[in-house]
Amino acid sequence: MARVKTGFTRRRRHKKVLALTKGQWGTRGRLFRRSNEAMLKSLWYSYRDRKARRRDMRRLWIVRINAGAHQHGLNYSRFMYGLKRANVELDRKVLADIAVRDAEGFARLAALSQQHQ
């Protein structure tokens, strides 16, 4: 069988990796082996942190809803329980936005939650 040289294929792969790590410090953006390590690590971090961002945002929303509920004499769990009993199907993202931007709207939701305790 004929010998196959990897010149074009290897160069294309190296250029792709170096392009992904462009702008990184030192040899992490210049040398292929260090760039490849940096690229694999950064891709792993981005995968992990997409999930962490979802967790962090949910925690932030819960804190904001809890703060709004405390202004109306409720805690978070009682507020959410009352909304569930009242068949209010708003997610935490929307409830947190209402708590921050629309005080009277959140007051109406808190009153509705208290009625359905």
C-alpha atoms as a PDB file:
ATOM      1  CA  MET A   1       0.000   0.000   0.000  1.00  0.00           C
ATOM      2  CA  ALA A   2       1.189   3.505  -0.715  1.00  0.00           C
ATOM      3  CA  ARG A   3       2.493   5.748   2.045  1.00  0.00           C
ATOM      4  CA  VAL A   4       0.201   8.618   3.033  1.00  0.00           C
ATOM      5  CA  LYS A   5       1.731  11.814   4.344  1.00  0.00           C
ATOM      6  CA  THR A   6      -0.263  13.901   6.786  1.00  0.00           C
ATOM      7  CA  GLY A   7       0.985  17.323   5.739  1.00  0.00           C
ATOM      8  CA  PHE A   8      -2.272  18.981   4.679  1.00  0.00           C
ATOM      9  CA  THR A   9      -4.456  17.237   7.246  1.00  0.00           C
ATOM     10  CA  ARG A  10      -2.114  17.970  10.131  1.00  0.00           C
ATOM     11  CA  ARG A  11      -1.660  21.604   9.141  1.00  0.00           C
ATOM     12  CA  ARG A  12      -5.423  22.098   8.876  1.00  0.00           C
ATOM     13  CA  ARG A  13      -5.986  20.554  12.317  1.00  0.00           C
ATOM     14  CA  HIS A  14      -3.188  22.589  13.886  1.00  0.00           C
ATOM     15  CA  LYS A  15      -4.499  25.825  12.357  1.00  0.00           C
ATOM     16  CA  LYS A  16      -7.984  25.090  13.696  1.00  0.00           C
ATOM     17  CA  VAL A  17      -6.673  24.550  17.240  1.00  0.00           C
ATOM     18  CA  LEU A  18      -4.421  27.615  17.102  1.00  0.00           C
ATOM     19  CA  ALA A  19      -7.329  29.722  15.863  1.00  0.00           C
ATOM     20  CA  LEU A  20      -9.457  28.589  18.814  1.00  0.00           C
ATOM     21  CA  THR A  21      -6.757  29.566  21.306  1.00  0.00           C
ATOM     22  CA  LYS A  22      -5.791  32.840  19.676  1.00  0.00           C
ATOM     23  CA  GLY A  23      -5.374  35.547  22.272  1.00  0.00           C
ATOM     24  CA  GLN A  24      -4.415  33.237  25.127  1.00  0.00           C
ATOM     25  CA  TRP A  25      -1.334  34.047  27.160  1.00  0.00           C
ATOM     26  CA  GLY A  26       2.128  32.847  26.193  1.00  0.00           C
ATOM     27  CA  THR A  27       2.602  29.515  24.473  1.00  0.00           C
ATOM     28  CA  ARG A  28      -1.035  28.573  25.030  1.00  0.00           C
ATOM     29  CA  GLY A  29      -1.852  30.539  21.900  1.00  0.00           C
ATOM     30  CA  ARG A  30       1.288  29.829  19.884  1.00  0.00           C
ATOM     31  CA  LEU A  31       2.492  26.235  20.255  1.00  0.00           C
ATOM     32  CA  PHE A  32       0.232  23.437  19.092  1.00  0.00           C
ATOM     33  CA  ARG A  33       0.676  21.063  22.007  1.00  0.00           C
ATOM     34  CA  ARG A  34       0.060  23.728  24.656  1.00  0.00           C
ATOM     35  CA  SER A  35      -2.762  25.180  22.555  1.00  0.00           C
ATOM     36  CA  ASN A  36      -4.399  21.788  22.271  1.00  0.00           C
ATOM     37  CA  GLU A  37      -4.272  21.317  26.048  1.00  0.00           C
ATOM     38  CA  ALA A  38      -5.653  24.814  26.589  1.00  0.00           C
ATOM     39  CA  MET A  39      -8.414  24.255  24.021  1.00  0.00           C
ATOM     40  CA  LEU A  40      -9.526  20.955  25.583  1.00  0.00           C
ATOM     41  CA  LYS A  41      -9.560  22.516  29.032  1.00  0.00           C
ATOM     42  CA  SER A  42     -11.462  25.593  27.887  1.00  0.00           C
ATOM     43  CA  LEU A  43     -14.070  23.488  26.093  1.00  0.00           C
ATOM     44  CA  TRP A  44     -14.512  21.412  29.239  1.00  0.00           C
ATOM     45  CA  TYR A  45     -14.843  24.560  31.366  1.00  0.00           C
ATOM     46  CA  SER A  46     -17.443  26.035  29.016  1.00  0.00           C
ATOM     47  CA  TYR A  47     -19.499  22.826  29.115  1.00  0.00           C
ATOM     48  CA  ARG A  48     -19.321  22.700  32.919  1.00  0.00           C
ATOM     49  CA  ASP A  49     -20.057  26.376  33.412  1.00  0.00           C
ATOM     50  CA  ARG A  50     -23.110  26.407  31.160  1.00  0.00           C
ATOM     51  CA  LYS A  51     -24.703  24.117  33.735  1.00  0.00           C
ATOM     52  CA  ALA A  52     -23.336  26.163  36.643  1.00  0.00           C
ATOM     53  CA  ARG A  53     -24.799  29.341  35.096  1.00  0.00           C
ATOM     54  CA  ARG A  54     -28.263  27.753  35.101  1.00  0.00           C
ATOM     55  CA  ARG A  55     -27.872  26.854  38.781  1.00  0.00           C
ATOM     56  CA  ASP A  56     -26.624  30.345  39.655  1.00  0.00           C
ATOM     57  CA  MET A  57     -29.457  32.076  37.814  1.00  0.00           C
ATOM     58  CA  ARG A  58     -32.084  29.909  39.527  1.00  0.00           C
ATOM     59  CA  ARG A  59     -30.535  30.763  42.915  1.00  0.00           C
ATOM     60  CA  LEU A  60     -30.622  34.475  42.042  1.00  0.00           C
ATOM     61  CA  TRP A  61     -34.270  34.278  41.003  1.00  0.00           C
ATOM     62  CA  ILE A  62     -35.197  32.510  44.245  1.00  0.00           C
ATOM     63  CA  VAL A  63     -33.398  35.180  46.311  1.00  0.00           C
ATOM     64  CA  ARG A  64     -35.263  37.955  44.476  1.00  0.00           C
ATOM     65  CA  ILE A  65     -38.653  36.249  44.865  1.00  0.00           C
ATOM     66  CA  ASN A  66     -37.950  35.634  48.542  1.00  0.00           C
ATOM     67  CA  ALA A  67     -37.059  39.301  49.079  1.00  0.00           C
ATOM     68  CA  GLY A  68     -40.271  40.391  47.367  1.00  0.00           C
ATOM     69  CA  ALA A  69     -42.345  37.883  49.336  1.00  0.00           C
ATOM     70  CA  HIS A  70     -40.851  39.045  52.648  1.00  0.00           C
ATOM     71  CA  GLN A  71     -42.023  42.586  51.908  1.00  0.00           C
ATOM     72  CA  HIS A  72     -45.569  41.221  51.902  1.00  0.00           C
ATOM     73  CA  GLY A  73     -45.284  39.042  55.014  1.00  0.00           C
ATOM     74  CA  LEU A  74     -44.610  35.735  53.273  1.00  0.00           C
ATOM     75  CA  ASN A  75     -41.582  33.576  52.895  1.00  0.00           C
ATOM     76  CA  TYR A  76     -40.526  31.981  49.612  1.00  0.00           C
ATOM     77  CA  SER A  77     -42.001  28.549  50.198  1.00  0.00           C
ATOM     78  CA  ARG A  78     -45.393  29.866  51.360  1.00  0.00           C
ATOM     79  CA  PHE A  79     -45.511  32.289  48.432  1.00  0.00           C
ATOM     80  CA  MET A  80     -44.763  29.563  45.876  1.00  0.00           C
ATOM     81  CA  TYR A  81     -47.188  27.153  47.553  1.00  0.00           C
ATOM     82  CA  GLY A  82     -49.993  29.716  47.366  1.00  0.00           C
ATOM     83  CA  LEU A  83     -49.286  30.410  43.694  1.00  0.00           C
ATOM     84  CA  LYS A  84     -49.317  26.699  42.931  1.00  0.00           C
ATOM     85  CA  ARG A  85     -52.657  26.303  44.712  1.00  0.00           C
ATOM     86  CA  ALA A  86     -54.001  29.321  42.765  1.00  0.00           C
ATOM     87  CA  ASN A  87     -52.919  27.699  39.462  1.00  0.00           C
ATOM     88  CA  VAL A  88     -50.563  30.561  38.604  1.00  0.00           C
ATOM     89  CA  GLU A  89     -48.110  29.097  36.117  1.00  0.00           C
ATOM     90  CA  LEU A  90     -45.320  31.668  36.114  1.00  0.00           C
ATOM     91  CA  ASP A  91     -41.764  30.409  36.283  1.00  0.00           C
ATOM     92  CA  ARG A  92     -39.161  31.734  38.681  1.00  0.00           C
ATOM     93  CA  LYS A  93     -37.469  33.845  36.018  1.00  0.00           C
ATOM     94  CA  VAL A  94     -40.667  35.801  35.310  1.00  0.00           C
ATOM     95  CA  LEU A  95     -41.598  36.054  39.005  1.00  0.00           C
ATOM     96  CA  ALA A  96     -38.154  37.463  39.835  1.00  0.00           C
ATOM     97  CA  ASP A  97     -38.476  40.001  37.022  1.00  0.00           C
ATOM     98  CA  ILE A  98     -41.914  41.051  38.300  1.00  0.00           C
ATOM     99  CA  ALA A  99     -40.537  41.340  41.853  1.00  0.00           C
ATOM    100  CA  VAL A 100     -37.782  43.682  40.675  1.00  0.00           C
ATOM    101  CA  ARG A 101     -39.617  45.784  38.084  1.00  0.00           C
ATOM    102  CA  ASP A 102     -43.334  45.760  38.968  1.00  0.00           C
ATOM    103  CA  ALA A 103     -43.971  46.219  42.684  1.00  0.00           C
ATOM    104  CA  GLU A 104     -47.783  46.499  42.499  1.00  0.00           C
ATOM    105  CA  GLY A 105     -48.030  43.487  40.212  1.00  0.00           C
ATOM    106  CA  PHE A 106     -46.004  41.449  42.675  1.00  0.00           C
ATOM    107  CA  ALA A 107     -48.218  42.746  45.506  1.00  0.00           C
ATOM    108  CA  ARG A 108     -51.262  41.383  43.654  1.00  0.00           C
ATOM    109  CA  LEU A 109     -49.510  38.023  43.245  1.00  0.00           C
ATOM    110  CA  ALA A 110     -48.651  37.991  46.966  1.00  0.00           C
ATOM    111  CA  ALA A 111     -52.274  38.729  47.870  1.00  0.00           C
ATOM    112  CA  LEU A 112     -53.433  35.953  45.550  1.00  0.00           C
ATOM    113  CA  SER A 113     -50.937  33.598  47.156  1.00  0.00           C
ATOM    114  CA  GLN A 114     -52.163  34.485  50.648  1.00  0.00           C
ATOM    115  CA  GLN A 115     -55.786  33.823  49.649  1.00  0.00           C
ATOM    116  CA  HIS A 116     -54.959  30.295  48.517  1.00  0.00           C
ATOM    117  CA  GLN A 117     -52.911  29.208  51.544  1.00  0.00           C
END
